[in-house]
Protein backbone atom coordinates (compact mmCIF):
# COMPACT_ATOMS: atom_id res chain seq x y z
CA MET A 1 7.46 -11.72 20.25
CA PHE A 2 7.03 -8.08 20.93
CA GLY A 3 5.17 -6.70 23.89
CA LYS A 4 3.07 -3.59 23.87
CA ILE A 5 4.44 -0.97 21.47
CA LEU A 6 4.42 2.64 22.65
CA LEU A 7 3.84 5.21 19.93
CA ALA A 8 5.26 8.72 20.16
CA SER A 9 2.83 11.49 19.29
CA CYS A 10 3.44 13.67 16.27
CA LEU A 11 1.89 16.87 14.91
CA LEU A 12 0.34 16.20 11.52
CA LEU A 13 2.61 18.52 9.57
CA ALA A 14 4.59 17.71 6.43
CA GLY A 15 8.04 16.50 7.27
CA CYS A 16 7.31 15.52 10.86
CA THR A 17 8.35 12.16 12.24
CA SER A 18 6.44 9.49 14.15
CA SER A 19 8.34 6.89 16.13
CA VAL A 20 7.56 3.42 17.37
CA ALA A 21 9.51 2.53 20.51
CA GLN A 22 11.91 -0.36 20.06
CA PRO A 23 10.93 -3.61 21.76
CA ALA A 24 13.33 -5.33 24.05
CA THR A 25 13.40 -8.58 22.09
CA GLU A 26 14.84 -8.97 18.62
CA ILE A 27 13.23 -11.25 16.05
CA ALA A 28 14.86 -14.37 14.72
CA THR A 29 16.16 -14.42 11.17
CA PRO A 30 13.60 -16.16 8.92
CA THR A 31 14.61 -19.69 8.02
CA ALA A 32 11.95 -20.49 5.44
CA ASN A 33 12.78 -20.41 1.75
CA PRO A 34 11.50 -17.02 0.48
CA GLY A 35 10.65 -18.56 -2.87
CA LYS A 36 11.52 -17.39 -6.34
CA ILE A 37 10.13 -14.27 -7.87
CA THR A 38 9.54 -16.10 -11.15
CA GLN A 39 7.09 -18.42 -9.41
CA PHE A 40 4.82 -15.42 -8.88
CA ALA A 41 4.76 -14.81 -12.63
CA SER A 42 4.03 -18.47 -13.39
CA GLU A 43 1.23 -18.79 -10.82
CA CYS A 44 -0.62 -15.57 -11.58
CA GLU A 45 -2.13 -13.74 -14.54
CA ASP A 46 -2.55 -10.06 -15.33
CA TRP A 47 -5.48 -8.52 -13.43
CA ASP A 48 -5.97 -11.81 -11.63
CA GLU A 49 -8.55 -12.70 -8.98
CA TRP A 50 -8.29 -10.73 -5.77
CA GLU A 51 -8.21 -13.74 -3.45
CA LYS A 52 -6.21 -16.18 -5.59
CA PRO A 53 -3.23 -17.41 -3.53
CA ALA A 54 0.28 -16.50 -4.67
CA SER A 55 3.54 -17.78 -3.25
CA PRO A 56 5.44 -15.16 -1.24
CA PHE A 57 8.88 -13.99 -2.33
CA ARG A 58 11.65 -11.60 -1.43
CA ILE A 59 11.43 -8.46 -3.56
CA HIS A 60 14.72 -6.96 -2.39
CA GLY A 61 16.58 -6.88 0.90
CA ASN A 62 14.07 -6.87 3.74
CA THR A 63 11.05 -6.25 1.47
CA TYR A 64 8.73 -9.14 0.64
CA TYR A 65 5.62 -9.73 -1.45
CA VAL A 66 2.97 -11.42 0.71
CA GLY A 67 -0.19 -10.62 -1.24
CA THR A 68 -2.44 -12.56 -3.58
CA CYS A 69 -2.23 -12.82 -7.36
CA GLY A 70 -4.56 -9.86 -7.84
CA ILE A 71 -3.94 -7.67 -4.80
CA ALA A 72 -0.53 -6.71 -3.46
CA ALA A 73 0.50 -6.72 0.19
CA ILE A 74 4.06 -5.81 1.16
CA LEU A 75 6.00 -6.80 4.26
CA ILE A 76 9.02 -4.72 5.32
CA ALA A 77 10.83 -6.84 7.89
CA GLY A 78 12.82 -5.23 10.67
CA THR A 79 14.73 -6.38 13.72
CA ASP A 80 12.55 -4.09 15.84
CA GLY A 81 9.20 -4.86 14.26
CA HIS A 82 7.67 -5.34 10.82
CA VAL A 83 5.63 -3.04 8.61
CA LEU A 84 2.75 -4.45 6.55
CA ILE A 85 1.25 -2.43 3.70
CA ASP A 86 -2.34 -3.42 2.86
CA SER A 87 -4.22 -6.58 3.78
CA GLY A 88 -6.30 -7.52 0.77
CA THR A 89 -9.95 -8.48 1.32
CA GLU A 90 -10.94 -10.20 4.54
CA ALA A 91 -10.58 -13.58 2.82
CA GLY A 92 -7.41 -12.41 1.09
CA SER A 93 -5.92 -11.51 4.47
CA ARG A 94 -5.75 -15.24 5.21
CA VAL A 95 -3.46 -15.62 2.20
CA VAL A 96 -1.38 -12.71 3.52
CA GLU A 97 -1.23 -14.33 6.96
CA ASN A 98 -0.14 -17.68 5.51
CA ASN A 99 2.47 -16.04 3.30
CA ILE A 100 4.01 -14.11 6.20
CA ILE A 101 4.25 -17.31 8.24
CA ALA A 102 5.63 -19.25 5.26
CA LEU A 103 8.50 -16.76 5.08
CA GLY A 104 9.35 -17.49 8.71
CA PHE A 105 7.95 -14.29 10.22
CA ALA A 106 5.45 -13.98 13.05
CA ILE A 107 2.19 -12.05 12.70
CA GLU A 108 2.55 -10.69 16.23
CA ASP A 109 5.82 -9.01 15.22
CA ILE A 110 3.96 -6.65 12.87
CA VAL A 111 3.84 -3.30 14.67
CA ALA A 112 2.52 -1.05 11.88
CA ILE A 113 -0.06 -1.63 9.14
CA LEU A 114 -0.16 1.00 6.39
CA THR A 115 -2.90 1.53 3.82
CA SER A 116 -2.94 2.46 0.16
CA HIS A 117 -6.56 3.42 -0.57
CA GLU A 118 -9.64 2.72 1.48
CA HIS A 119 -11.48 0.17 -0.68
CA PHE A 120 -12.31 -3.28 0.68
CA ASP A 121 -10.19 -5.14 -1.87
CA HIS A 122 -7.07 -3.58 -0.30
CA VAL A 123 -8.00 -2.97 3.35
CA GLY A 124 -10.97 -5.26 4.05
CA GLY A 125 -8.78 -7.63 6.07
CA ILE A 126 -7.04 -5.03 8.24
CA GLU A 127 -9.31 -5.51 11.26
CA ARG A 128 -8.50 -9.24 11.25
CA LEU A 129 -4.74 -8.75 10.94
CA GLN A 130 -4.70 -5.91 13.47
CA LYS A 131 -6.42 -8.12 16.04
CA MET A 132 -3.86 -10.86 15.43
CA SER A 133 -0.85 -8.55 15.64
CA GLY A 134 -1.85 -5.66 17.89
CA ALA A 135 -0.35 -3.31 15.29
CA THR A 136 -1.25 0.35 14.91
CA VAL A 137 -2.88 1.22 11.59
CA TYR A 138 -1.45 4.25 9.78
CA THR A 139 -3.62 5.89 7.14
CA SER A 140 -4.75 9.32 5.95
CA ALA A 141 -7.19 11.59 7.77
CA GLU A 142 -9.70 11.08 4.93
CA ALA A 143 -9.39 7.28 5.00
CA ALA A 144 -9.54 6.87 8.79
CA PRO A 145 -13.37 7.28 9.07
CA VAL A 146 -13.87 4.71 6.30
CA LEU A 147 -11.71 2.18 8.14
CA ARG A 148 -13.48 2.97 11.43
CA THR A 149 -17.02 2.58 10.02
CA GLY A 150 -16.41 0.12 7.20
CA LYS A 151 -18.53 2.31 4.90
CA ASP A 152 -17.59 4.28 1.77
CA ASN A 153 -16.91 7.99 1.96
CA PRO A 154 -19.96 9.61 0.28
CA ARG A 155 -17.53 11.75 -1.77
CA ASP A 156 -15.76 8.68 -3.16
CA PRO A 157 -16.39 8.43 -6.93
CA GLN A 158 -17.16 4.74 -6.34
CA ALA A 159 -19.43 5.31 -3.33
CA GLY A 160 -22.20 2.73 -3.20
CA LEU A 161 -20.40 0.14 -5.30
CA HIS A 162 -18.85 -1.74 -2.36
CA ASP A 163 -20.28 -3.90 0.36
CA PRO A 164 -19.44 -2.65 3.86
CA MET A 165 -16.23 -4.08 5.32
CA THR A 166 -15.45 -5.07 8.89
CA PRO A 167 -14.68 -1.85 10.81
CA VAL A 168 -11.23 -1.46 12.34
CA THR A 169 -11.62 -1.32 16.12
CA GLY A 170 -7.97 -0.96 17.18
CA GLU A 171 -5.70 2.06 17.13
CA ILE A 172 -5.68 4.17 13.94
CA ARG A 173 -3.24 7.05 13.44
CA ALA A 174 -3.71 9.68 10.73
CA VAL A 175 -0.53 10.46 8.78
CA ALA A 176 0.23 13.66 6.88
CA ASP A 177 1.88 14.04 3.49
CA GLY A 178 5.65 13.93 3.91
CA GLU A 179 5.52 12.45 7.40
CA VAL A 180 8.24 9.89 8.15
CA LEU A 181 7.30 6.86 10.23
CA ASN A 182 10.12 5.36 12.27
CA VAL A 183 9.25 1.72 12.93
CA GLY A 184 12.28 0.40 14.76
CA ASN A 185 15.05 0.45 12.17
CA THR A 186 12.65 1.06 9.25
CA LYS A 187 11.81 4.54 7.95
CA VAL A 188 8.79 4.92 5.68
CA THR A 189 7.76 8.24 4.11
CA ALA A 190 4.07 8.95 3.53
CA ILE A 191 3.01 10.50 0.22
CA ALA A 192 -0.58 11.74 -0.03
CA THR A 193 -1.86 10.74 -3.47
CA PRO A 194 -5.64 11.32 -3.46
CA GLY A 195 -7.47 10.64 -6.68
CA HIS A 196 -8.67 7.06 -6.91
CA THR A 197 -10.06 7.86 -3.44
CA LEU A 198 -9.77 10.95 -1.28
CA GLY A 199 -7.71 9.11 1.32
CA ALA A 200 -5.26 7.35 -0.96
CA MET A 201 -1.64 7.14 0.20
CA SER A 202 1.63 6.05 -1.38
CA TRP A 203 4.76 5.05 0.57
CA ARG A 204 8.54 5.20 0.05
CA TRP A 205 11.35 3.43 1.90
CA GLU A 206 14.91 2.20 1.43
CA SER A 207 15.56 -1.54 1.24
CA CYS A 208 19.11 -2.89 1.35
CA ALA A 209 20.64 -6.23 0.47
CA ALA A 210 24.15 -5.86 1.93
CA THR A 211 25.41 -2.66 0.24
CA ASP A 212 22.85 -2.81 -2.59
CA CYS A 213 20.22 -0.29 -1.47
CA LEU A 214 17.11 0.62 -3.44
CA GLU A 215 14.46 3.29 -2.90
CA ILE A 216 11.13 1.50 -3.27
CA VAL A 217 7.83 3.31 -3.85
CA TYR A 218 4.45 1.68 -3.34
CA ALA A 219 2.30 4.01 -5.47
CA ASP A 220 -1.46 4.04 -5.23
CA SER A 221 -3.80 3.26 -8.12
CA LEU A 222 -4.52 6.81 -9.39
CA SER A 223 -7.19 5.56 -11.80
CA PRO A 224 -10.33 7.68 -12.43
CA ILE A 225 -12.88 4.90 -11.91
CA SER A 226 -16.38 5.74 -10.69
CA ALA A 227 -19.99 4.72 -10.35
CA ASP A 228 -21.97 5.04 -13.57
CA ASP A 229 -23.72 8.26 -12.52
CA TYR A 230 -20.58 10.03 -11.28
CA ARG A 231 -19.02 12.74 -13.45
CA PHE A 232 -15.62 14.11 -12.49
CA THR A 233 -16.45 17.31 -14.38
CA ASP A 234 -19.21 17.97 -11.82
CA HIS A 235 -16.59 17.96 -9.04
CA PRO A 236 -13.83 20.43 -9.97
CA GLU A 237 -12.46 20.48 -6.40
CA TYR A 238 -12.05 16.71 -6.50
CA VAL A 239 -10.28 16.93 -9.86
CA ALA A 240 -7.91 19.57 -8.45
CA THR A 241 -7.13 17.28 -5.50
CA PHE A 242 -6.59 14.40 -7.93
CA ARG A 243 -4.06 16.46 -9.88
CA GLN A 244 -2.24 17.35 -6.65
CA GLY A 245 -1.83 13.66 -5.87
CA ILE A 246 -0.47 12.98 -9.34
CA ALA A 247 1.92 15.91 -9.04
CA ARG A 248 3.33 14.63 -5.73
CA LEU A 249 4.15 11.29 -7.29
CA ARG A 250 5.60 12.88 -10.42
CA ALA A 251 7.86 15.02 -8.25
CA ILE A 252 9.67 11.98 -6.85
CA ASP A 253 13.11 11.97 -8.43
CA ALA A 254 14.17 8.84 -10.30
CA SER A 255 16.93 8.34 -7.71
CA GLU A 256 14.21 8.06 -5.05
CA CYS A 257 12.13 5.61 -7.09
CA ASP A 258 14.45 2.73 -8.02
CA MET A 259 11.56 0.27 -7.90
CA LEU A 260 7.84 0.90 -8.37
CA LEU A 261 5.23 -1.37 -6.78
CA THR A 262 1.45 -0.94 -6.93
CA PRO A 263 -1.63 -2.24 -5.04
CA HIS A 264 -2.82 -3.94 -8.24
CA PRO A 265 0.35 -5.70 -9.50
CA SER A 266 -0.66 -5.38 -13.15
CA ALA A 267 -0.91 -1.58 -12.89
CA SER A 268 2.90 -1.41 -12.92
CA ASN A 269 3.62 -4.58 -14.92
CA MET A 270 4.87 -6.42 -11.84
CA LEU A 271 4.10 -9.82 -13.36
CA ALA A 272 6.03 -9.08 -16.53
CA ARG A 273 9.00 -7.91 -14.49
CA ALA A 274 8.76 -10.92 -12.18
CA SER A 275 9.02 -13.27 -15.15
CA ALA A 276 12.50 -11.84 -15.74
CA GLY A 277 13.46 -12.60 -12.15
CA THR A 278 13.43 -9.07 -10.71
CA LEU A 279 11.01 -6.23 -10.07
CA GLN A 280 13.65 -3.65 -10.91
CA GLY A 281 13.15 -1.68 -14.09
CA GLY A 282 9.82 -0.75 -15.56
CA LEU A 283 8.05 2.57 -15.04
CA THR A 284 9.54 5.35 -12.99
CA CYS A 285 7.31 7.22 -10.56
CA ALA A 286 7.15 10.16 -12.98
CA GLU A 287 6.13 7.92 -15.87
CA TYR A 288 3.49 6.23 -13.75
CA ALA A 289 2.12 9.62 -12.70
CA SER A 290 2.07 10.91 -16.29
CA ALA A 291 0.14 7.82 -17.41
CA ALA A 292 -2.38 8.47 -14.61
CA GLU A 293 -2.78 12.08 -15.73
CA ARG A 294 -3.44 10.96 -19.30
CA ARG A 295 -6.18 8.62 -18.07
CA LEU A 296 -7.76 11.42 -16.05
CA ASP A 297 -7.61 13.83 -18.99
CA ALA A 298 -9.15 11.20 -21.26
CA ARG A 299 -11.98 10.65 -18.79
CA LEU A 300 -12.67 14.39 -18.55
CA ALA A 301 -12.64 14.68 -22.34
CA ARG A 302 -15.17 11.87 -22.69
CA GLU A 303 -17.45 13.52 -20.14
CA ALA A 304 -17.14 16.87 -21.92
CA ALA A 305 -18.13 15.15 -25.16
CA GLY A 306 -21.26 13.82 -23.47
CA GLU A 307 -20.11 10.19 -23.36
């Protein structure tokens, strides 16, 4: 188990680095069977239920899938502390908890919890998991108030569609685009990808199995979904911000995006890839971004046509 983790302060400027001090005690190597990736494909369906349990599995190296069938959660295991990305809903976080334990890891060894976007289906269980682990939550400056209050940002295109979620009461740190988090021996780069929400973030890290190293990107949803009375064409500043988020993801070179993962597994055909026994292959980051831009353009065209 880790004791209290001391966090180094960092100016919120692109390219800066935040560090988590290394604990004195190293974790034990997990002994549980990580499961087979094909089991995920056999248990789950495309666009499945958010809280439907899925068996955990090793994605590559020290990166594991610990989410549900419908909502992804990713564990990056490290000898000096683990990183968890997303929690699922509050009920879904129990699946995440059970999956982490099933892999042989301890919840209290999670020292950092990262967020994709600030909707309850992805972050509604963070307060629960933070209390169990004592981890610091890393998110964007726009998403932090939503996590703290549990209420939608009024500027969110989907504002009013979600029930309030349990507010996060522990430590929250805002992360800037391009900032590198050093969590023990794990380095994770933040990529600001607003669009689906204003506070949406994507994340990139290297995962190695012996000498086989892959650059993995967990890319946010980037889908222009909204409440019925919301028109993107009425919010040109929001659309410009949306396009900036798409552009940042498109700019990631293919060599820095060997494997694409997404908060909704079906958004990047994770189930189809899993059925073949690997999550390698599929869309590149640039292709995923271009598909998102086409969806946004189609939405704007429909609004312009009065639909």
